[in-house]
Amino acid sequence: STESPTTSAPTVHPFTGYEQVGGTGAGECADKDGGLFSYAQYNENASPEDCSVKCSGLATSAQVGLGVTASACRCYFDGSAPDDEGQTFTSVDESGTGPVAGVNNESGENWQCYRRIAAGTVEPTTKPTEVPTVSPTTQAPVTQSATQAPTTS
C-alpha cells in the first residue's frame, strides 16, 4: 500500500523504462518525419504504468513507445504491430520507423506519448546495455589473482 506511483512520481519519468515526449496530451508518438507508428490498442482506461505492463506483455523488442488517453492505451512499434486475431487489443499498421522523435496530434485526440528508453529487454529496468560491458572487465583481472596468490603465502 506504500506504492502510489501516480501521486509520488514526477511527470517526466512517471515509471521505469519510459520518458514523456512532448507536453501533456500533445499527441501520438511520431518518428523524425512526424510519421505515426504501428500500434496495438487496448480500449480501456489505463495509467501509463498499466499501459506499460500491457505492452511488455506483448513481449516484442520492436516496441518503441506507448500512448495513453483517458480511455485507451497504445503500444507503438517500429514495423508491424502484433497480430490481433483473438486478442483483447486492436492492431493498426502505420509507416513510422526508428525511435520516437516527437509527437503528432493530427487526430486531435490529445494522446500522451512516452518513449521507451529501455528498449530491447523488458524485464531488467536498470540500463541493460551496461551489463555486458561490465562482465568482461571483471573477468580480465583473473591473471592478477594468480600473481596475488604467492604474496599471501
N, C-alpha and C. Protein backbone atom coordinates (compact mmCIF):
# COMPACT_ATOMS: atom_id res chain seq x y z
N SER A 1 0.82 -1.21 0.00
CA SER A 1 0.00 0.00 0.00
C SER A 1 0.86 1.26 0.00
N THR A 2 2.17 1.09 0.25
CA THR A 2 3.06 2.26 0.23
C THR A 2 3.33 2.72 -1.20
N GLU A 3 3.12 1.85 -2.17
CA GLU A 3 3.36 2.22 -3.56
C GLU A 3 2.18 3.03 -4.11
N SER A 4 2.44 4.29 -4.44
CA SER A 4 1.41 5.08 -5.13
C SER A 4 2.11 5.90 -6.20
N PRO A 5 2.53 5.22 -7.31
CA PRO A 5 3.33 5.88 -8.35
C PRO A 5 2.62 7.05 -9.02
N THR A 6 1.29 7.03 -9.05
CA THR A 6 0.58 8.09 -9.75
C THR A 6 0.68 9.42 -9.00
N THR A 7 0.80 9.38 -7.68
CA THR A 7 0.85 10.63 -6.94
C THR A 7 2.27 11.08 -6.64
N SER A 8 3.18 10.12 -6.38
CA SER A 8 4.50 10.49 -5.93
C SER A 8 5.51 10.71 -7.06
N ALA A 9 5.27 10.12 -8.22
CA ALA A 9 6.26 10.18 -9.29
C ALA A 9 6.19 11.50 -10.06
N PRO A 10 7.36 12.02 -10.47
CA PRO A 10 7.36 13.22 -11.30
C PRO A 10 6.77 12.93 -12.68
N THR A 11 6.26 13.93 -13.37
CA THR A 11 5.60 13.70 -14.65
C THR A 11 6.56 13.32 -15.76
N VAL A 12 7.81 13.74 -15.68
CA VAL A 12 8.74 13.45 -16.77
C VAL A 12 9.10 11.97 -16.80
N HIS A 13 9.35 11.37 -15.66
CA HIS A 13 9.66 9.94 -15.58
C HIS A 13 8.63 9.27 -14.69
N PRO A 14 7.41 9.04 -15.21
CA PRO A 14 6.36 8.51 -14.36
C PRO A 14 6.60 7.06 -13.97
N PHE A 15 7.42 6.34 -14.71
CA PHE A 15 7.68 4.94 -14.41
C PHE A 15 8.95 4.53 -15.13
N THR A 16 9.51 3.44 -14.71
CA THR A 16 10.80 2.99 -15.22
C THR A 16 10.72 2.53 -16.67
N GLY A 17 11.73 2.90 -17.45
CA GLY A 17 11.84 2.41 -18.82
C GLY A 17 11.23 3.31 -19.87
N TYR A 18 10.58 4.39 -19.45
CA TYR A 18 9.94 5.30 -20.41
C TYR A 18 10.21 6.74 -20.01
N GLU A 19 10.13 7.63 -21.00
CA GLU A 19 10.18 9.05 -20.71
C GLU A 19 9.12 9.76 -21.54
N GLN A 20 8.54 10.81 -20.95
CA GLN A 20 7.48 11.54 -21.63
C GLN A 20 8.05 12.31 -22.81
N VAL A 21 7.30 12.33 -23.91
CA VAL A 21 7.70 13.08 -25.10
C VAL A 21 6.60 14.10 -25.37
N GLY A 22 7.00 15.34 -25.56
CA GLY A 22 6.01 16.39 -25.80
C GLY A 22 5.30 16.75 -24.51
N GLY A 23 4.45 17.75 -24.57
CA GLY A 23 3.71 18.18 -23.39
C GLY A 23 2.60 17.21 -23.07
N THR A 24 1.89 17.48 -21.99
CA THR A 24 0.77 16.63 -21.59
C THR A 24 -0.32 16.67 -22.67
N GLY A 25 -0.70 15.50 -23.16
CA GLY A 25 -1.73 15.42 -24.18
C GLY A 25 -1.34 16.07 -25.50
N ALA A 26 -0.01 16.07 -25.81
CA ALA A 26 0.47 16.77 -27.01
C ALA A 26 0.25 16.00 -28.31
N GLY A 27 0.03 14.68 -28.21
CA GLY A 27 -0.21 13.92 -29.43
C GLY A 27 0.39 12.54 -29.38
N GLU A 28 0.16 11.79 -30.47
CA GLU A 28 0.68 10.43 -30.57
C GLU A 28 2.18 10.46 -30.79
N CYS A 29 2.85 9.39 -30.39
CA CYS A 29 4.28 9.26 -30.65
C CYS A 29 4.50 9.25 -32.16
N ALA A 30 5.54 9.96 -32.61
CA ALA A 30 5.83 10.04 -34.05
C ALA A 30 7.33 9.89 -34.28
N ASP A 31 7.70 9.52 -35.52
CA ASP A 31 9.12 9.39 -35.85
C ASP A 31 9.68 10.75 -36.26
N LYS A 32 10.93 10.77 -36.71
CA LYS A 32 11.59 12.05 -37.01
C LYS A 32 10.89 12.83 -38.13
N ASP A 33 10.12 12.15 -38.97
CA ASP A 33 9.39 12.83 -40.04
C ASP A 33 7.94 13.11 -39.68
N GLY A 34 7.58 12.86 -38.42
CA GLY A 34 6.20 13.08 -37.99
C GLY A 34 5.28 11.93 -38.32
N GLY A 35 5.85 10.83 -38.82
CA GLY A 35 5.06 9.66 -39.17
C GLY A 35 4.58 8.93 -37.93
N LEU A 36 3.37 8.39 -38.01
CA LEU A 36 2.81 7.65 -36.89
C LEU A 36 3.29 6.20 -36.92
N PHE A 37 3.41 5.60 -35.74
CA PHE A 37 3.87 4.22 -35.62
C PHE A 37 2.71 3.24 -35.65
N SER A 38 3.01 2.01 -36.06
CA SER A 38 2.05 0.92 -35.93
C SER A 38 1.77 0.75 -34.44
N TYR A 39 0.56 0.31 -34.11
CA TYR A 39 0.25 0.17 -32.69
C TYR A 39 -0.75 -0.94 -32.42
N ALA A 40 -0.73 -1.39 -31.16
CA ALA A 40 -1.74 -2.28 -30.62
C ALA A 40 -2.49 -1.44 -29.60
N GLN A 41 -3.81 -1.36 -29.72
CA GLN A 41 -4.61 -0.51 -28.84
C GLN A 41 -5.55 -1.30 -27.96
N TYR A 42 -5.49 -0.98 -26.66
CA TYR A 42 -6.42 -1.54 -25.68
C TYR A 42 -7.43 -0.44 -25.36
N ASN A 43 -8.71 -0.71 -25.57
CA ASN A 43 -9.73 0.31 -25.31
C ASN A 43 -10.22 0.22 -23.87
N GLU A 44 -9.40 0.72 -22.96
CA GLU A 44 -9.77 0.76 -21.57
C GLU A 44 -8.96 1.84 -20.88
N ASN A 45 -9.49 2.33 -19.79
CA ASN A 45 -8.81 3.36 -19.02
C ASN A 45 -7.55 2.75 -18.43
N ALA A 46 -6.39 3.33 -18.73
CA ALA A 46 -5.14 2.78 -18.22
C ALA A 46 -4.17 3.90 -17.91
N SER A 47 -3.53 3.82 -16.76
CA SER A 47 -2.46 4.77 -16.45
C SER A 47 -1.26 4.41 -17.32
N PRO A 48 -0.28 5.30 -17.45
CA PRO A 48 0.92 4.93 -18.22
C PRO A 48 1.57 3.66 -17.67
N GLU A 49 1.57 3.50 -16.35
CA GLU A 49 2.16 2.30 -15.75
C GLU A 49 1.41 1.05 -16.20
N ASP A 50 0.06 1.09 -16.11
CA ASP A 50 -0.75 -0.06 -16.54
C ASP A 50 -0.52 -0.35 -18.02
N CYS A 51 -0.44 0.71 -18.79
CA CYS A 51 -0.24 0.55 -20.23
C CYS A 51 1.11 -0.11 -20.51
N SER A 52 2.15 0.28 -19.77
CA SER A 52 3.47 -0.30 -19.99
C SER A 52 3.47 -1.80 -19.67
N VAL A 53 2.68 -2.20 -18.67
CA VAL A 53 2.58 -3.62 -18.34
C VAL A 53 1.90 -4.38 -19.48
N LYS A 54 0.84 -3.79 -20.04
CA LYS A 54 0.15 -4.42 -21.18
C LYS A 54 1.12 -4.56 -22.35
N CYS A 55 1.88 -3.49 -22.62
CA CYS A 55 2.83 -3.52 -23.75
C CYS A 55 3.92 -4.56 -23.53
N SER A 56 4.45 -4.65 -22.30
CA SER A 56 5.50 -5.63 -22.05
C SER A 56 4.95 -7.04 -22.16
N GLY A 57 3.64 -7.20 -21.91
CA GLY A 57 3.00 -8.50 -22.07
C GLY A 57 2.98 -8.97 -23.51
N LEU A 58 3.13 -8.05 -24.46
CA LEU A 58 3.18 -8.41 -25.87
C LEU A 58 4.55 -8.97 -26.23
N ALA A 59 5.53 -8.75 -25.34
CA ALA A 59 6.86 -9.35 -25.45
C ALA A 59 7.49 -9.21 -26.83
N THR A 60 7.64 -8.00 -27.29
CA THR A 60 8.34 -7.80 -28.56
C THR A 60 9.36 -6.69 -28.39
N SER A 61 10.54 -6.90 -28.96
CA SER A 61 11.61 -5.91 -28.84
C SER A 61 11.40 -4.74 -29.80
N ALA A 62 10.42 -4.86 -30.71
CA ALA A 62 10.18 -3.79 -31.68
C ALA A 62 9.39 -2.63 -31.09
N GLN A 63 8.96 -2.75 -29.83
CA GLN A 63 8.16 -1.68 -29.24
C GLN A 63 9.03 -0.44 -28.98
N VAL A 64 8.57 0.72 -29.45
CA VAL A 64 9.36 1.96 -29.32
C VAL A 64 8.76 2.94 -28.33
N GLY A 65 7.49 2.74 -27.95
CA GLY A 65 6.86 3.67 -27.01
C GLY A 65 5.45 3.26 -26.72
N LEU A 66 4.77 4.13 -25.97
CA LEU A 66 3.35 3.88 -25.69
C LEU A 66 2.63 5.22 -25.61
N GLY A 67 1.31 5.14 -25.72
CA GLY A 67 0.49 6.34 -25.64
C GLY A 67 -0.74 6.06 -24.82
N VAL A 68 -1.19 7.07 -24.09
CA VAL A 68 -2.41 6.90 -23.28
C VAL A 68 -3.34 8.08 -23.48
N THR A 69 -4.63 7.80 -23.41
CA THR A 69 -5.67 8.83 -23.31
C THR A 69 -6.51 8.40 -22.11
N ALA A 70 -7.57 9.14 -21.85
CA ALA A 70 -8.44 8.79 -20.73
C ALA A 70 -9.11 7.44 -20.94
N SER A 71 -9.23 7.00 -22.19
CA SER A 71 -9.99 5.78 -22.45
C SER A 71 -9.24 4.69 -23.20
N ALA A 72 -7.93 4.87 -23.47
CA ALA A 72 -7.22 3.87 -24.25
C ALA A 72 -5.72 3.86 -23.97
N CYS A 73 -5.10 2.75 -24.35
CA CYS A 73 -3.65 2.55 -24.22
C CYS A 73 -3.14 2.04 -25.55
N ARG A 74 -2.08 2.65 -26.07
CA ARG A 74 -1.47 2.18 -27.31
C ARG A 74 -0.02 1.81 -27.08
N CYS A 75 0.39 0.68 -27.64
CA CYS A 75 1.78 0.25 -27.64
C CYS A 75 2.29 0.49 -29.06
N TYR A 76 3.30 1.34 -29.21
CA TYR A 76 3.80 1.71 -30.55
C TYR A 76 4.98 0.84 -30.97
N PHE A 77 5.03 0.51 -32.28
CA PHE A 77 6.06 -0.39 -32.80
C PHE A 77 6.76 0.17 -34.02
N ASP A 78 8.05 -0.19 -34.13
CA ASP A 78 8.84 0.09 -35.33
C ASP A 78 8.62 -1.13 -36.22
N GLY A 79 7.83 -0.98 -37.25
CA GLY A 79 7.45 -2.12 -38.09
C GLY A 79 6.00 -2.47 -37.82
N SER A 80 5.63 -3.71 -38.09
CA SER A 80 4.24 -4.13 -37.94
C SER A 80 3.85 -4.33 -36.49
N ALA A 81 2.59 -4.10 -36.20
CA ALA A 81 2.04 -4.37 -34.87
C ALA A 81 1.76 -5.86 -34.77
N PRO A 82 1.71 -6.40 -33.53
CA PRO A 82 1.39 -7.83 -33.36
C PRO A 82 0.01 -8.17 -33.92
N ASP A 83 -0.17 -9.42 -34.31
CA ASP A 83 -1.45 -9.88 -34.83
C ASP A 83 -2.51 -9.81 -33.74
N ASP A 84 -3.64 -9.19 -34.04
CA ASP A 84 -4.68 -9.00 -33.02
C ASP A 84 -5.79 -10.04 -33.07
N GLU A 85 -5.64 -11.07 -33.92
CA GLU A 85 -6.69 -12.07 -34.02
C GLU A 85 -6.85 -12.82 -32.70
N GLY A 86 -8.06 -12.78 -32.14
CA GLY A 86 -8.33 -13.45 -30.88
C GLY A 86 -7.74 -12.75 -29.66
N GLN A 87 -7.26 -11.53 -29.83
CA GLN A 87 -6.64 -10.79 -28.73
C GLN A 87 -7.59 -9.73 -28.17
N THR A 88 -7.19 -9.13 -27.04
CA THR A 88 -8.01 -8.09 -26.42
C THR A 88 -7.62 -6.70 -26.91
N PHE A 89 -6.72 -6.64 -27.90
CA PHE A 89 -6.32 -5.36 -28.47
C PHE A 89 -6.60 -5.33 -29.96
N THR A 90 -6.58 -4.14 -30.54
CA THR A 90 -6.76 -3.95 -31.97
C THR A 90 -5.45 -3.43 -32.55
N SER A 91 -4.99 -4.00 -33.66
CA SER A 91 -3.74 -3.56 -34.26
C SER A 91 -3.97 -2.74 -35.51
N VAL A 92 -3.13 -1.70 -35.68
CA VAL A 92 -3.15 -0.87 -36.88
C VAL A 92 -1.70 -0.68 -37.32
N ASP A 93 -1.42 -0.90 -38.61
CA ASP A 93 -0.07 -0.69 -39.11
C ASP A 93 0.07 0.68 -39.76
N GLU A 94 1.12 1.39 -39.35
CA GLU A 94 1.42 2.72 -39.89
C GLU A 94 2.85 2.72 -40.42
N SER A 95 3.32 3.88 -40.89
CA SER A 95 4.62 3.93 -41.57
C SER A 95 5.79 4.39 -40.70
N GLY A 96 5.54 4.77 -39.46
CA GLY A 96 6.62 5.29 -38.61
C GLY A 96 7.74 4.28 -38.41
N THR A 97 8.99 4.77 -38.47
CA THR A 97 10.16 3.90 -38.29
C THR A 97 11.17 4.53 -37.34
N GLY A 98 12.00 3.66 -36.75
CA GLY A 98 13.06 4.15 -35.87
C GLY A 98 12.52 4.52 -34.51
N PRO A 99 13.31 5.30 -33.75
CA PRO A 99 12.88 5.68 -32.40
C PRO A 99 11.82 6.78 -32.42
N VAL A 100 11.14 6.95 -31.29
CA VAL A 100 10.19 8.04 -31.13
C VAL A 100 10.98 9.34 -31.09
N ALA A 101 10.64 10.27 -32.01
CA ALA A 101 11.40 11.52 -32.10
C ALA A 101 10.55 12.74 -31.72
N GLY A 102 9.23 12.56 -31.65
CA GLY A 102 8.35 13.69 -31.34
C GLY A 102 6.92 13.23 -31.25
N VAL A 103 6.01 14.19 -31.40
CA VAL A 103 4.59 13.85 -31.32
C VAL A 103 3.84 14.40 -32.53
N ASN A 104 2.67 13.83 -32.79
CA ASN A 104 1.83 14.24 -33.91
C ASN A 104 0.39 14.21 -33.41
N ASN A 105 -0.28 15.35 -33.42
CA ASN A 105 -1.66 15.40 -32.92
C ASN A 105 -2.67 15.64 -34.03
N GLU A 106 -2.38 15.10 -35.23
CA GLU A 106 -3.32 15.25 -36.36
C GLU A 106 -4.70 14.72 -36.02
N SER A 107 -4.76 13.67 -35.20
CA SER A 107 -6.04 13.06 -34.86
C SER A 107 -6.86 13.98 -33.97
N GLY A 108 -6.20 14.92 -33.27
CA GLY A 108 -6.89 15.79 -32.34
C GLY A 108 -7.36 15.07 -31.09
N GLU A 109 -6.82 13.85 -30.85
CA GLU A 109 -7.26 13.05 -29.70
C GLU A 109 -6.43 13.30 -28.45
N ASN A 110 -5.40 14.15 -28.56
CA ASN A 110 -4.56 14.53 -27.41
C ASN A 110 -3.98 13.35 -26.65
N TRP A 111 -3.35 12.44 -27.39
CA TRP A 111 -2.66 11.31 -26.77
C TRP A 111 -1.48 11.84 -25.96
N GLN A 112 -1.07 11.07 -24.98
CA GLN A 112 0.14 11.38 -24.22
C GLN A 112 1.18 10.34 -24.62
N CYS A 113 2.30 10.81 -25.17
CA CYS A 113 3.33 9.90 -25.69
C CYS A 113 4.44 9.66 -24.69
N TYR A 114 4.90 8.42 -24.60
CA TYR A 114 6.08 8.06 -23.80
C TYR A 114 7.02 7.24 -24.67
N ARG A 115 8.28 7.66 -24.72
CA ARG A 115 9.31 6.95 -25.48
C ARG A 115 9.87 5.83 -24.62
N ARG A 116 10.06 4.67 -25.23
CA ARG A 116 10.66 3.55 -24.50
C ARG A 116 12.17 3.73 -24.48
N ILE A 117 12.74 3.85 -23.29
CA ILE A 117 14.19 4.06 -23.22
C ILE A 117 14.93 2.78 -22.86
N ALA A 118 14.24 1.80 -22.30
CA ALA A 118 14.86 0.51 -22.00
C ALA A 118 14.50 -0.47 -23.09
N ALA A 119 14.72 -0.10 -24.35
CA ALA A 119 14.32 -0.94 -25.47
C ALA A 119 15.17 -2.19 -25.55
N GLY A 120 14.60 -3.24 -26.10
CA GLY A 120 15.34 -4.49 -26.28
C GLY A 120 14.92 -5.52 -25.27
N THR A 121 15.11 -5.24 -23.99
CA THR A 121 14.71 -6.20 -22.96
C THR A 121 13.61 -5.58 -22.13
N VAL A 122 12.68 -6.39 -21.72
CA VAL A 122 11.54 -5.88 -20.97
C VAL A 122 11.81 -5.93 -19.46
N GLU A 123 12.30 -7.08 -18.95
CA GLU A 123 12.42 -7.23 -17.51
C GLU A 123 13.47 -6.36 -16.82
N PRO A 124 14.76 -6.38 -17.24
CA PRO A 124 15.72 -5.56 -16.49
C PRO A 124 15.46 -4.08 -16.75
N THR A 125 15.05 -3.38 -15.73
CA THR A 125 14.77 -1.96 -15.91
C THR A 125 16.00 -1.11 -15.68
N THR A 126 17.07 -1.69 -15.11
CA THR A 126 18.29 -0.92 -14.91
C THR A 126 19.19 -1.08 -16.12
N LYS A 127 19.25 -0.08 -16.95
CA LYS A 127 20.06 0.00 -18.17
C LYS A 127 20.73 -1.31 -18.58
N PRO A 128 20.00 -2.16 -19.32
CA PRO A 128 20.55 -3.47 -19.67
C PRO A 128 21.77 -3.40 -20.57
N THR A 129 21.99 -2.29 -21.26
CA THR A 129 23.12 -2.20 -22.18
C THR A 129 24.45 -2.15 -21.44
N GLU A 130 24.45 -1.72 -20.16
CA GLU A 130 25.70 -1.61 -19.43
C GLU A 130 26.17 -2.96 -18.88
N VAL A 131 25.27 -3.90 -18.72
CA VAL A 131 25.62 -5.18 -18.10
C VAL A 131 26.69 -5.94 -18.88
N PRO A 132 26.56 -6.10 -20.23
CA PRO A 132 27.58 -6.87 -20.94
C PRO A 132 28.97 -6.26 -20.86
N THR A 133 29.08 -4.92 -20.82
CA THR A 133 30.39 -4.29 -20.81
C THR A 133 31.07 -4.45 -19.45
N VAL A 134 30.29 -4.69 -18.39
CA VAL A 134 30.88 -4.81 -17.06
C VAL A 134 31.53 -6.18 -16.87
N SER A 135 30.86 -7.24 -17.29
CA SER A 135 31.37 -8.58 -17.02
C SER A 135 32.75 -8.87 -17.63
N PRO A 136 33.06 -8.44 -18.89
CA PRO A 136 34.42 -8.71 -19.39
C PRO A 136 35.49 -8.00 -18.56
N THR A 137 35.18 -6.82 -18.04
CA THR A 137 36.15 -6.06 -17.26
C THR A 137 36.47 -6.78 -15.96
N THR A 138 35.48 -7.41 -15.35
CA THR A 138 35.72 -8.10 -14.08
C THR A 138 36.45 -9.42 -14.32
N GLN A 139 36.30 -9.99 -15.51
CA GLN A 139 36.99 -11.25 -15.80
C GLN A 139 38.44 -11.03 -16.20
N ALA A 140 38.77 -9.85 -16.69
CA ALA A 140 40.13 -9.58 -17.15
C ALA A 140 41.18 -9.71 -16.04
N PRO A 141 40.93 -9.19 -14.82
CA PRO A 141 41.99 -9.28 -13.79
C PRO A 141 42.19 -10.67 -13.20
N VAL A 142 41.70 -11.71 -13.86
CA VAL A 142 41.88 -13.07 -13.35
C VAL A 142 43.36 -13.41 -13.28
N THR A 143 44.14 -12.88 -14.24
CA THR A 143 45.58 -13.15 -14.25
C THR A 143 46.26 -12.54 -13.03
N GLN A 144 45.72 -11.46 -12.50
CA GLN A 144 46.31 -10.82 -11.32
C GLN A 144 46.15 -11.70 -10.09
N SER A 145 45.03 -12.42 -9.97
CA SER A 145 44.82 -13.26 -8.79
C SER A 145 45.88 -14.35 -8.70
N ALA A 146 46.42 -14.77 -9.84
CA ALA A 146 47.49 -15.75 -9.84
C ALA A 146 48.76 -15.13 -9.26
N THR A 147 49.02 -13.87 -9.53
CA THR A 147 50.21 -13.21 -9.00
C THR A 147 50.01 -12.81 -7.55
N GLN A 148 48.74 -12.69 -7.13
CA GLN A 148 48.47 -12.33 -5.73
C GLN A 148 48.61 -13.54 -4.81
N ALA A 149 48.40 -14.72 -5.33
CA ALA A 149 48.45 -15.92 -4.50
C ALA A 149 49.82 -16.12 -3.82
N PRO A 150 50.94 -15.97 -4.53
CA PRO A 150 52.23 -16.14 -3.86
C PRO A 150 52.46 -15.08 -2.77
N THR A 151 51.88 -13.88 -2.94
CA THR A 151 52.07 -12.81 -1.96
C THR A 151 51.46 -13.17 -0.63
N THR A 152 50.29 -13.85 -0.64
CA THR A 152 49.61 -14.18 0.62
C THR A 152 50.29 -15.34 1.33
N SER A 153 50.93 -16.26 0.60
CA SER A 153 51.51 -17.43 1.27
C SER A 153 52.92 -17.21 1.76
